[in-house]
């Protein structure tokens, strides 16, 4: 099953207008489940209490990352929750015309979710729309799908990331209020790599632990961090100033924006084990770029 989600500007500029893309069309794009790449370093497992509390969870803040049909009337949903991470649930009867869940289980809508079960695939018992967030439209909608694809592909199931959940909510709000997509996405990508334990300190050279110099050129080893660029390097070269800007989340400089985009593509590709981000290609296809 093909996955979907948004693109971070792909073929050039993250703010490429997509006025010709119907919101309904984008909302129908599927997102496939994906396992965490085998080469991705694992964080310590969350305490058992955080991973499963008995057989019942009630009123958990959540967002739907992806859903797909299950049998004739049900759905399987991938839910990103604040205290339980990414969980898989069966929403029984959610496809029936008069189901209360039918209009609730939508992406980018804040939910209060309840479920039961101990197995990897549990049963959704209730979901209520919380409200309070603007809908995503056009470019922001595609950016939202991009965020969801990253979460599906990089987060292990049942691994709590409350700080990342809060960052996700803030990012959706920023996109809905039309804040610059390149800056919003770079900050989220960096936060995601930090939460999954694979983001190096960009302000320190790995070999000497000396501070990165703004005027020097570096490459970033995906497993270790920055080191001075060599003539034989095929990894993207990055100015020390860009690395320092990224570490303090300052993306105002146009060179920092351009170089950080290329660097994050490189790092994400490595940690995804070569798995493509389909939303980038979808954006290219839809805009005929």
C-alpha atoms as a PDB file:
ATOM      1  CA  UNK A   1       0.000   0.000   0.000  1.00  0.00           C
ATOM      2  CA  UNK A   2       1.519   3.353  -0.980  1.00  0.00           C
ATOM      3  CA  UNK A   3       2.172   5.949   1.700  1.00  0.00           C
ATOM      4  CA  UNK A   4       1.501   9.605   1.528  1.00  0.00           C
ATOM      5  CA  UNK A   5       2.011  12.795   3.273  1.00  0.00           C
ATOM      6  CA  UNK A   6       3.412  16.070   2.471  1.00  0.00           C
ATOM      7  CA  UNK A   7       6.467  17.418   0.899  1.00  0.00           C
ATOM      8  CA  UNK A   8       8.840  19.958   2.276  1.00  0.00           C
ATOM      9  CA  UNK A   9       9.082  21.844  -0.909  1.00  0.00           C
ATOM     10  CA  UNK A  10      10.886  19.088  -2.740  1.00  0.00           C
ATOM     11  CA  UNK A  11      11.901  20.297  -6.163  1.00  0.00           C
ATOM     12  CA  UNK A  12      13.147  23.570  -5.021  1.00  0.00           C
ATOM     13  CA  UNK A  13      11.127  25.733  -2.747  1.00  0.00           C
ATOM     14  CA  UNK A  14       9.100  24.643   0.274  1.00  0.00           C
ATOM     15  CA  UNK A  15       6.663  27.473  -0.312  1.00  0.00           C
ATOM     16  CA  UNK A  16       5.708  26.436  -3.856  1.00  0.00           C
ATOM     17  CA  UNK A  17       2.039  27.465  -4.271  1.00  0.00           C
ATOM     18  CA  UNK A  18      -0.431  24.650  -4.647  1.00  0.00           C
ATOM     19  CA  UNK A  19      -3.565  26.626  -5.300  1.00  0.00           C
ATOM     20  CA  UNK A  20      -4.502  24.216  -8.063  1.00  0.00           C
ATOM     21  CA  UNK A  21      -4.517  21.256  -5.683  1.00  0.00           C
ATOM     22  CA  UNK A  22      -8.030  20.550  -4.349  1.00  0.00           C
ATOM     23  CA  UNK A  23      -7.989  20.093  -0.584  1.00  0.00           C
ATOM     24  CA  UNK A  24     -10.311  17.112  -0.907  1.00  0.00           C
ATOM     25  CA  UNK A  25      -7.853  15.420  -3.268  1.00  0.00           C
ATOM     26  CA  UNK A  26      -4.983  15.887  -0.861  1.00  0.00           C
ATOM     27  CA  UNK A  27      -7.026  14.641   2.053  1.00  0.00           C
ATOM     28  CA  UNK A  28      -7.702  11.389   0.237  1.00  0.00           C
ATOM     29  CA  UNK A  29      -4.039  10.596  -0.289  1.00  0.00           C
ATOM     30  CA  UNK A  30      -3.213   7.388   1.631  1.00  0.00           C
ATOM     31  CA  UNK A  31      -0.443   6.914   4.168  1.00  0.00           C
ATOM     32  CA  UNK A  32       0.990   3.456   4.511  1.00  0.00           C
ATOM     33  CA  UNK A  33       2.250   1.893   7.681  1.00  0.00           C
ATOM     34  CA  UNK A  34       5.968   1.470   7.849  1.00  0.00           C
ATOM     35  CA  UNK A  35       8.390  -0.109  10.237  1.00  0.00           C
ATOM     36  CA  UNK A  36      11.229   1.774  11.861  1.00  0.00           C
ATOM     37  CA  UNK A  37      14.354   1.243   9.708  1.00  0.00           C
ATOM     38  CA  UNK A  38      16.527  -1.547  11.059  1.00  0.00           C
ATOM     39  CA  UNK A  39      19.617   0.668  11.096  1.00  0.00           C
ATOM     40  CA  UNK A  40      18.015   3.326  13.252  1.00  0.00           C
ATOM     41  CA  UNK A  41      19.520   3.428  16.761  1.00  0.00           C
ATOM     42  CA  UNK A  42      16.923   2.581  19.374  1.00  0.00           C
ATOM     43  CA  UNK A  43      16.157   4.686  22.396  1.00  0.00           C
ATOM     44  CA  UNK A  44      15.716   2.978  25.755  1.00  0.00           C
ATOM     45  CA  UNK A  45      12.270   1.444  26.028  1.00  0.00           C
ATOM     46  CA  UNK A  46       9.710   3.520  27.881  1.00  0.00           C
ATOM     47  CA  UNK A  47       8.676   2.279  31.331  1.00  0.00           C
ATOM     48  CA  UNK A  48       5.995  -0.388  31.233  1.00  0.00           C
ATOM     49  CA  UNK A  49       3.472   1.911  32.881  1.00  0.00           C
ATOM     50  CA  UNK A  50       3.799   4.405  30.015  1.00  0.00           C
ATOM     51  CA  UNK A  51       3.541   1.754  27.334  1.00  0.00           C
ATOM     52  CA  UNK A  52       0.404  -0.006  28.602  1.00  0.00           C
ATOM     53  CA  UNK A  53      -1.787   0.811  31.577  1.00  0.00           C
ATOM     54  CA  UNK A  54      -3.901  -2.292  32.209  1.00  0.00           C
ATOM     55  CA  UNK A  55      -6.315  -2.903  29.369  1.00  0.00           C
ATOM     56  CA  UNK A  56      -8.066   0.454  29.219  1.00  0.00           C
ATOM     57  CA  UNK A  57      -7.040   4.004  28.309  1.00  0.00           C
ATOM     58  CA  UNK A  58      -9.513   6.897  28.426  1.00  0.00           C
ATOM     59  CA  UNK A  59      -9.473  10.490  27.220  1.00  0.00           C
ATOM     60  CA  UNK A  60      -6.031  10.451  25.631  1.00  0.00           C
ATOM     61  CA  UNK A  61      -5.032  13.497  23.501  1.00  0.00           C
ATOM     62  CA  UNK A  62      -4.452  12.165  19.986  1.00  0.00           C
ATOM     63  CA  UNK A  63      -4.264  12.785  16.242  1.00  0.00           C
ATOM     64  CA  UNK A  64      -4.974  10.388  13.385  1.00  0.00           C
ATOM     65  CA  UNK A  65      -1.820   9.881  11.317  1.00  0.00           C
ATOM     66  CA  UNK A  66      -3.334   7.402   8.874  1.00  0.00           C
ATOM     67  CA  UNK A  67      -6.304   5.095   8.450  1.00  0.00           C
ATOM     68  CA  UNK A  68      -7.209   2.338   6.034  1.00  0.00           C
ATOM     69  CA  UNK A  69     -10.166  -0.005   5.536  1.00  0.00           C
ATOM     70  CA  UNK A  70     -10.518  -3.150   7.604  1.00  0.00           C
ATOM     71  CA  UNK A  71     -13.140  -5.675   6.512  1.00  0.00           C
ATOM     72  CA  UNK A  72     -16.415  -4.158   5.285  1.00  0.00           C
ATOM     73  CA  UNK A  73     -17.323  -1.589   7.922  1.00  0.00           C
ATOM     74  CA  UNK A  74     -14.251  -0.934  10.042  1.00  0.00           C
ATOM     75  CA  UNK A  75     -10.981   0.978   9.915  1.00  0.00           C
ATOM     76  CA  UNK A  76      -7.515   0.446  11.285  1.00  0.00           C
ATOM     77  CA  UNK A  77      -6.106   3.775  12.426  1.00  0.00           C
ATOM     78  CA  UNK A  78      -2.582   4.839  13.264  1.00  0.00           C
ATOM     79  CA  UNK A  79      -2.971   7.251  16.177  1.00  0.00           C
ATOM     80  CA  UNK A  80      -0.306   9.584  17.558  1.00  0.00           C
ATOM     81  CA  UNK A  81      -1.052  10.053  21.261  1.00  0.00           C
ATOM     82  CA  UNK A  82       0.609  12.251  23.831  1.00  0.00           C
ATOM     83  CA  UNK A  83       1.331   9.666  26.525  1.00  0.00           C
ATOM     84  CA  UNK A  84       1.418   6.374  24.587  1.00  0.00           C
ATOM     85  CA  UNK A  85       3.123   7.374  21.351  1.00  0.00           C
ATOM     86  CA  UNK A  86       2.006   5.814  18.093  1.00  0.00           C
ATOM     87  CA  UNK A  87      -0.680   3.166  18.576  1.00  0.00           C
ATOM     88  CA  UNK A  88      -2.675   0.989  16.159  1.00  0.00           C
ATOM     89  CA  UNK A  89      -6.397   0.665  16.814  1.00  0.00           C
ATOM     90  CA  UNK A  90      -9.408  -1.013  15.205  1.00  0.00           C
ATOM     91  CA  UNK A  91     -12.317   1.390  14.825  1.00  0.00           C
ATOM     92  CA  UNK A  92     -15.201  -1.037  14.529  1.00  0.00           C
ATOM     93  CA  UNK A  93     -18.080   0.085  12.331  1.00  0.00           C
ATOM     94  CA  UNK A  94     -16.425   3.440  11.579  1.00  0.00           C
ATOM     95  CA  UNK A  95     -17.285   3.162   7.869  1.00  0.00           C
ATOM     96  CA  UNK A  96     -21.007   2.759   8.484  1.00  0.00           C
ATOM     97  CA  UNK A  97     -23.040   5.785   7.290  1.00  0.00           C
ATOM     98  CA  UNK A  98     -24.429   6.602  10.733  1.00  0.00           C
ATOM     99  CA  UNK A  99     -21.338   5.794  12.795  1.00  0.00           C
ATOM    100  CA  UNK A 100     -20.424   8.514  15.282  1.00  0.00           C
ATOM    101  CA  UNK A 101     -16.765   7.870  14.447  1.00  0.00           C
ATOM    102  CA  UNK A 102     -17.185   8.409  10.702  1.00  0.00           C
ATOM    103  CA  UNK A 103     -16.745  12.173  10.763  1.00  0.00           C
ATOM    104  CA  UNK A 104     -14.402  12.284  13.739  1.00  0.00           C
ATOM    105  CA  UNK A 105     -11.422  10.195  12.617  1.00  0.00           C
ATOM    106  CA  UNK A 106      -9.890  12.819  10.364  1.00  0.00           C
ATOM    107  CA  UNK A 107      -6.247  13.859  10.090  1.00  0.00           C
ATOM    108  CA  UNK A 108      -5.048  17.074  11.741  1.00  0.00           C
ATOM    109  CA  UNK A 109      -8.038  17.241  14.082  1.00  0.00           C
ATOM    110  CA  UNK A 110      -7.325  17.120  17.844  1.00  0.00           C
ATOM    111  CA  UNK A 111      -9.115  14.196  19.457  1.00  0.00           C
ATOM    112  CA  UNK A 112      -9.766  12.717  22.875  1.00  0.00           C
ATOM    113  CA  UNK A 113      -9.450   8.950  22.297  1.00  0.00           C
ATOM    114  CA  UNK A 114     -10.201   5.896  24.416  1.00  0.00           C
ATOM    115  CA  UNK A 115      -9.332   2.262  23.747  1.00  0.00           C
ATOM    116  CA  UNK A 116      -9.048  -1.180  25.291  1.00  0.00           C
ATOM    117  CA  UNK A 117      -6.722  -4.134  24.794  1.00  0.00           C
ATOM    118  CA  UNK A 118      -3.182  -5.313  25.501  1.00  0.00           C
ATOM    119  CA  UNK A 119      -2.140  -6.560  22.072  1.00  0.00           C
ATOM    120  CA  UNK A 120      -0.362  -4.479  19.454  1.00  0.00           C
ATOM    121  CA  UNK A 121      -3.705  -3.912  17.715  1.00  0.00           C
ATOM    122  CA  UNK A 122      -6.233  -2.609  20.242  1.00  0.00           C
ATOM    123  CA  UNK A 123      -9.876  -1.572  19.955  1.00  0.00           C
ATOM    124  CA  UNK A 124     -10.999   2.048  19.829  1.00  0.00           C
ATOM    125  CA  UNK A 125     -13.967   2.563  22.157  1.00  0.00           C
ATOM    126  CA  UNK A 126     -14.511   6.306  21.796  1.00  0.00           C
ATOM    127  CA  UNK A 127     -13.149   9.358  20.008  1.00  0.00           C
ATOM    128  CA  UNK A 128     -14.336  12.923  20.450  1.00  0.00           C
ATOM    129  CA  UNK A 129     -13.351  16.010  18.496  1.00  0.00           C
ATOM    130  CA  UNK A 130     -11.679  18.531  20.798  1.00  0.00           C
ATOM    131  CA  UNK A 131     -11.496  21.495  18.436  1.00  0.00           C
ATOM    132  CA  UNK A 132      -9.540  24.692  18.824  1.00  0.00           C
ATOM    133  CA  UNK A 133      -7.347  24.391  15.711  1.00  0.00           C
ATOM    134  CA  UNK A 134      -7.637  25.951  12.272  1.00  0.00           C
ATOM    135  CA  UNK A 135      -7.853  23.542   9.303  1.00  0.00           C
ATOM    136  CA  UNK A 136      -4.839  23.086   7.052  1.00  0.00           C
ATOM    137  CA  UNK A 137      -5.219  24.210   3.451  1.00  0.00           C
ATOM    138  CA  UNK A 138      -3.203  24.078   0.230  1.00  0.00           C
ATOM    139  CA  UNK A 139       0.553  24.046   0.947  1.00  0.00           C
ATOM    140  CA  UNK A 140      -0.046  23.739   4.686  1.00  0.00           C
ATOM    141  CA  UNK A 141      -2.182  20.642   4.096  1.00  0.00           C
ATOM    142  CA  UNK A 142       0.586  18.952   2.131  1.00  0.00           C
ATOM    143  CA  UNK A 143       3.060  19.910   4.852  1.00  0.00           C
ATOM    144  CA  UNK A 144       0.790  18.221   7.382  1.00  0.00           C
ATOM    145  CA  UNK A 145       0.814  15.001   5.379  1.00  0.00           C
ATOM    146  CA  UNK A 146       4.612  15.233   5.247  1.00  0.00           C
ATOM    147  CA  UNK A 147       4.768  15.448   9.051  1.00  0.00           C
ATOM    148  CA  UNK A 148       2.504  12.419   9.358  1.00  0.00           C
ATOM    149  CA  UNK A 149       4.626  10.374   6.987  1.00  0.00           C
ATOM    150  CA  UNK A 150       7.759  11.163   8.973  1.00  0.00           C
ATOM    151  CA  UNK A 151       6.050  10.091  12.202  1.00  0.00           C
ATOM    152  CA  UNK A 152       4.727   6.854  10.710  1.00  0.00           C
ATOM    153  CA  UNK A 153       8.118   5.925   9.300  1.00  0.00           C
ATOM    154  CA  UNK A 154      10.410   7.018  12.117  1.00  0.00           C
ATOM    155  CA  UNK A 155       8.485   6.404  15.349  1.00  0.00           C
ATOM    156  CA  UNK A 156       8.301   2.942  16.865  1.00  0.00           C
ATOM    157  CA  UNK A 157       4.870   1.943  18.117  1.00  0.00           C
ATOM    158  CA  UNK A 158       4.028   2.273  21.813  1.00  0.00           C
ATOM    159  CA  UNK A 159       6.995   4.553  22.508  1.00  0.00           C
ATOM    160  CA  UNK A 160       5.846   7.706  24.292  1.00  0.00           C
ATOM    161  CA  UNK A 161       7.125  11.096  23.072  1.00  0.00           C
ATOM    162  CA  UNK A 162       5.083  13.759  24.892  1.00  0.00           C
ATOM    163  CA  UNK A 163       7.484  16.577  23.986  1.00  0.00           C
ATOM    164  CA  UNK A 164       7.318  15.621  20.308  1.00  0.00           C
ATOM    165  CA  UNK A 165       3.514  15.443  20.497  1.00  0.00           C
ATOM    166  CA  UNK A 166       3.437  19.008  21.829  1.00  0.00           C
ATOM    167  CA  UNK A 167       5.836  20.073  19.066  1.00  0.00           C
ATOM    168  CA  UNK A 168       3.550  18.425  16.492  1.00  0.00           C
ATOM    169  CA  UNK A 169       0.551  20.398  17.787  1.00  0.00           C
ATOM    170  CA  UNK A 170       2.550  23.636  17.692  1.00  0.00           C
ATOM    171  CA  UNK A 171       3.758  22.865  14.163  1.00  0.00           C
ATOM    172  CA  UNK A 172       0.218  22.270  12.872  1.00  0.00           C
ATOM    173  CA  UNK A 173      -0.844  25.583  14.384  1.00  0.00           C
ATOM    174  CA  UNK A 174       2.090  27.382  12.787  1.00  0.00           C
ATOM    175  CA  UNK A 175       1.283  25.896   9.376  1.00  0.00           C
ATOM    176  CA  UNK A 176      -2.404  26.774   9.744  1.00  0.00           C
ATOM    177  CA  UNK A 177      -1.435  30.369  10.520  1.00  0.00           C
ATOM    178  CA  UNK A 178       0.729  30.447   7.368  1.00  0.00           C
ATOM    179  CA  UNK A 179       4.090  30.765   9.058  1.00  0.00           C
ATOM    180  CA  UNK A 180       6.979  30.088   6.613  1.00  0.00           C
ATOM    181  CA  UNK A 181       6.843  26.386   5.758  1.00  0.00           C
ATOM    182  CA  UNK A 182      10.622  25.900   5.242  1.00  0.00           C
ATOM    183  CA  UNK A 183      11.401  27.166   8.736  1.00  0.00           C
ATOM    184  CA  UNK A 184       8.509  25.307  10.398  1.00  0.00           C
ATOM    185  CA  UNK A 185       9.452  22.009   8.755  1.00  0.00           C
ATOM    186  CA  UNK A 186      13.174  22.261   9.511  1.00  0.00           C
ATOM    187  CA  UNK A 187      12.426  22.797  13.202  1.00  0.00           C
ATOM    188  CA  UNK A 188      10.089  19.799  13.300  1.00  0.00           C
ATOM    189  CA  UNK A 189      12.522  17.529  11.434  1.00  0.00           C
ATOM    190  CA  UNK A 190      15.266  18.413  13.876  1.00  0.00           C
ATOM    191  CA  UNK A 191      12.979  17.857  16.879  1.00  0.00           C
ATOM    192  CA  UNK A 192      11.975  14.455  15.492  1.00  0.00           C
ATOM    193  CA  UNK A 193      15.578  13.311  15.110  1.00  0.00           C
ATOM    194  CA  UNK A 194      16.357  14.516  18.636  1.00  0.00           C
ATOM    195  CA  UNK A 195      13.373  12.640  20.078  1.00  0.00           C
ATOM    196  CA  UNK A 196      14.348   9.413  18.318  1.00  0.00           C
ATOM    197  CA  UNK A 197      17.895   9.724  19.630  1.00  0.00           C
ATOM    198  CA  UNK A 198      19.779  10.193  16.369  1.00  0.00           C
ATOM    199  CA  UNK A 199      20.460  13.945  16.267  1.00  0.00           C
ATOM    200  CA  UNK A 200      24.055  14.976  16.923  1.00  0.00           C
ATOM    201  CA  UNK A 201      25.147  18.259  18.469  1.00  0.00           C
ATOM    202  CA  UNK A 202      25.686  20.462  15.411  1.00  0.00           C
ATOM    203  CA  UNK A 203      27.758  22.993  17.325  1.00  0.00           C
ATOM    204  CA  UNK A 204      30.643  20.587  18.056  1.00  0.00           C
ATOM    205  CA  UNK A 205      33.137  18.887  15.726  1.00  0.00           C
ATOM    206  CA  UNK A 206      33.026  15.125  16.321  1.00  0.00           C
ATOM    207  CA  UNK A 207      36.760  14.515  15.980  1.00  0.00           C
ATOM    208  CA  UNK A 208      38.056  17.216  18.327  1.00  0.00           C
ATOM    209  CA  UNK A 209      34.914  18.247  20.249  1.00  0.00           C
ATOM    210  CA  UNK A 210      35.978  21.815  19.470  1.00  0.00           C
ATOM    211  CA  UNK A 211      33.295  24.324  18.602  1.00  0.00           C
ATOM    212  CA  UNK A 212      32.181  24.502  14.966  1.00  0.00           C
ATOM    213  CA  UNK A 213      33.602  27.600  13.261  1.00  0.00           C
ATOM    214  CA  UNK A 214      31.121  29.728  11.335  1.00  0.00           C
ATOM    215  CA  UNK A 215      33.498  30.382   8.417  1.00  0.00           C
ATOM    216  CA  UNK A 216      34.570  26.741   7.869  1.00  0.00           C
ATOM    217  CA  UNK A 217      32.875  24.109   5.681  1.00  0.00           C
ATOM    218  CA  UNK A 218      31.689  20.842   7.236  1.00  0.00           C
ATOM    219  CA  UNK A 219      29.894  17.623   6.441  1.00  0.00           C
ATOM    220  CA  UNK A 220      27.624  15.892   8.953  1.00  0.00           C
ATOM    221  CA  UNK A 221      28.191  12.199   9.596  1.00  0.00           C
ATOM    222  CA  UNK A 222      24.649  10.847  10.214  1.00  0.00           C
ATOM    223  CA  UNK A 223      25.928   8.612  13.005  1.00  0.00           C
ATOM    224  CA  UNK A 224      28.422  10.951  14.664  1.00  0.00           C
ATOM    225  CA  UNK A 225      27.947  14.602  13.734  1.00  0.00           C
ATOM    226  CA  UNK A 226      29.922  17.418  12.043  1.00  0.00           C
ATOM    227  CA  UNK A 227      33.508  17.193  10.848  1.00  0.00           C
ATOM    228  CA  UNK A 228      35.549  19.398   8.469  1.00  0.00           C
ATOM    229  CA  UNK A 229      34.779  18.833   4.798  1.00  0.00           C
ATOM    230  CA  UNK A 230      37.347  16.909   2.721  1.00  0.00           C
ATOM    231  CA  UNK A 231      37.900  17.107  -1.028  1.00  0.00           C
ATOM    232  CA  UNK A 232      36.745  13.502  -1.508  1.00  0.00           C
ATOM    233  CA  UNK A 233      33.487  13.919   0.436  1.00  0.00           C
ATOM    234  CA  UNK A 234      30.240  13.176  -1.404  1.00  0.00           C
ATOM    235  CA  UNK A 235      28.041  14.235   1.521  1.00  0.00           C
ATOM    236  CA  UNK A 236      26.534  17.741   1.270  1.00  0.00           C
ATOM    237  CA  UNK A 237      28.864  20.480   2.425  1.00  0.00           C
ATOM    238  CA  UNK A 238      27.475  22.891   4.980  1.00  0.00           C
ATOM    239  CA  UNK A 239      28.820  26.157   6.314  1.00  0.00           C
ATOM    240  CA  UNK A 240      29.629  26.218   9.990  1.00  0.00           C
ATOM    241  CA  UNK A 241      27.291  29.191  10.335  1.00  0.00           C
ATOM    242  CA  UNK A 242      24.408  27.055   9.038  1.00  0.00           C
ATOM    243  CA  UNK A 243      25.108  24.373  11.651  1.00  0.00           C
ATOM    244  CA  UNK A 244      25.253  26.943  14.432  1.00  0.00           C
ATOM    245  CA  UNK A 245      22.049  28.561  13.176  1.00  0.00           C
ATOM    246  CA  UNK A 246      20.288  25.191  13.133  1.00  0.00           C
ATOM    247  CA  UNK A 247      21.422  24.389  16.662  1.00  0.00           C
ATOM    248  CA  UNK A 248      19.823  27.599  17.951  1.00  0.00           C
ATOM    249  CA  UNK A 249      16.808  27.288  15.594  1.00  0.00           C
ATOM    250  CA  UNK A 250      17.597  30.490  13.709  1.00  0.00           C
ATOM    251  CA  UNK A 251      16.584  30.060  10.064  1.00  0.00           C
ATOM    252  CA  UNK A 252      16.299  33.672   8.971  1.00  0.00           C
ATOM    253  CA  UNK A 253      19.401  33.564   6.734  1.00  0.00           C
ATOM    254  CA  UNK A 254      18.569  32.442   3.183  1.00  0.00           C
ATOM    255  CA  UNK A 255      21.789  30.405   2.960  1.00  0.00           C
ATOM    256  CA  UNK A 256      20.906  28.661   6.214  1.00  0.00           C
ATOM    257  CA  UNK A 257      17.460  27.834   4.822  1.00  0.00           C
ATOM    258  CA  UNK A 258      18.891  26.366   1.611  1.00  0.00           C
ATOM    259  CA  UNK A 259      21.721  24.386   3.212  1.00  0.00           C
ATOM    260  CA  UNK A 260      19.621  23.108   6.121  1.00  0.00           C
ATOM    261  CA  UNK A 261      17.040  21.801   3.655  1.00  0.00           C
ATOM    262  CA  UNK A 262      19.654  19.765   1.785  1.00  0.00           C
ATOM    263  CA  UNK A 263      21.250  18.580   5.019  1.00  0.00           C
ATOM    264  CA  UNK A 264      17.958  17.427   6.549  1.00  0.00           C
ATOM    265  CA  UNK A 265      17.043  15.558   3.355  1.00  0.00           C
ATOM    266  CA  UNK A 266      20.373  13.751   3.553  1.00  0.00           C
ATOM    267  CA  UNK A 267      20.036  12.900   7.256  1.00  0.00           C
ATOM    268  CA  UNK A 268      16.414  11.774   6.958  1.00  0.00           C
ATOM    269  CA  UNK A 269      17.236   9.589   3.949  1.00  0.00           C
ATOM    270  CA  UNK A 270      19.946   7.887   5.990  1.00  0.00           C
ATOM    271  CA  UNK A 271      17.755   7.252   9.023  1.00  0.00           C
ATOM    272  CA  UNK A 272      14.893   6.066   6.831  1.00  0.00           C
ATOM    273  CA  UNK A 273      17.204   3.424   5.400  1.00  0.00           C
ATOM    274  CA  UNK A 274      16.655   4.680   1.868  1.00  0.00           C
ATOM    275  CA  UNK A 275      12.857   4.479   2.058  1.00  0.00           C
ATOM    276  CA  UNK A 276      11.433   7.325  -0.053  1.00  0.00           C
ATOM    277  CA  UNK A 277       9.210  10.058   1.313  1.00  0.00           C
ATOM    278  CA  UNK A 278       6.310   9.664  -1.076  1.00  0.00           C
ATOM    279  CA  UNK A 279       4.791  13.047  -0.417  1.00  0.00           C
ATOM    280  CA  UNK A 280       7.735  14.737  -2.097  1.00  0.00           C
ATOM    281  CA  UNK A 281       7.105  12.773  -5.294  1.00  0.00           C
ATOM    282  CA  UNK A 282       3.359  13.349  -5.064  1.00  0.00           C
ATOM    283  CA  UNK A 283       3.915  17.096  -4.874  1.00  0.00           C
ATOM    284  CA  UNK A 284       6.160  16.938  -7.938  1.00  0.00           C
ATOM    285  CA  UNK A 285       3.571  14.884  -9.863  1.00  0.00           C
ATOM    286  CA  UNK A 286       0.641  17.111  -8.931  1.00  0.00           C
ATOM    287  CA  UNK A 287       2.453  20.303  -9.870  1.00  0.00           C
ATOM    288  CA  UNK A 288       4.099  18.721 -12.945  1.00  0.00           C
ATOM    289  CA  UNK A 289       7.512  19.928 -11.828  1.00  0.00           C
END
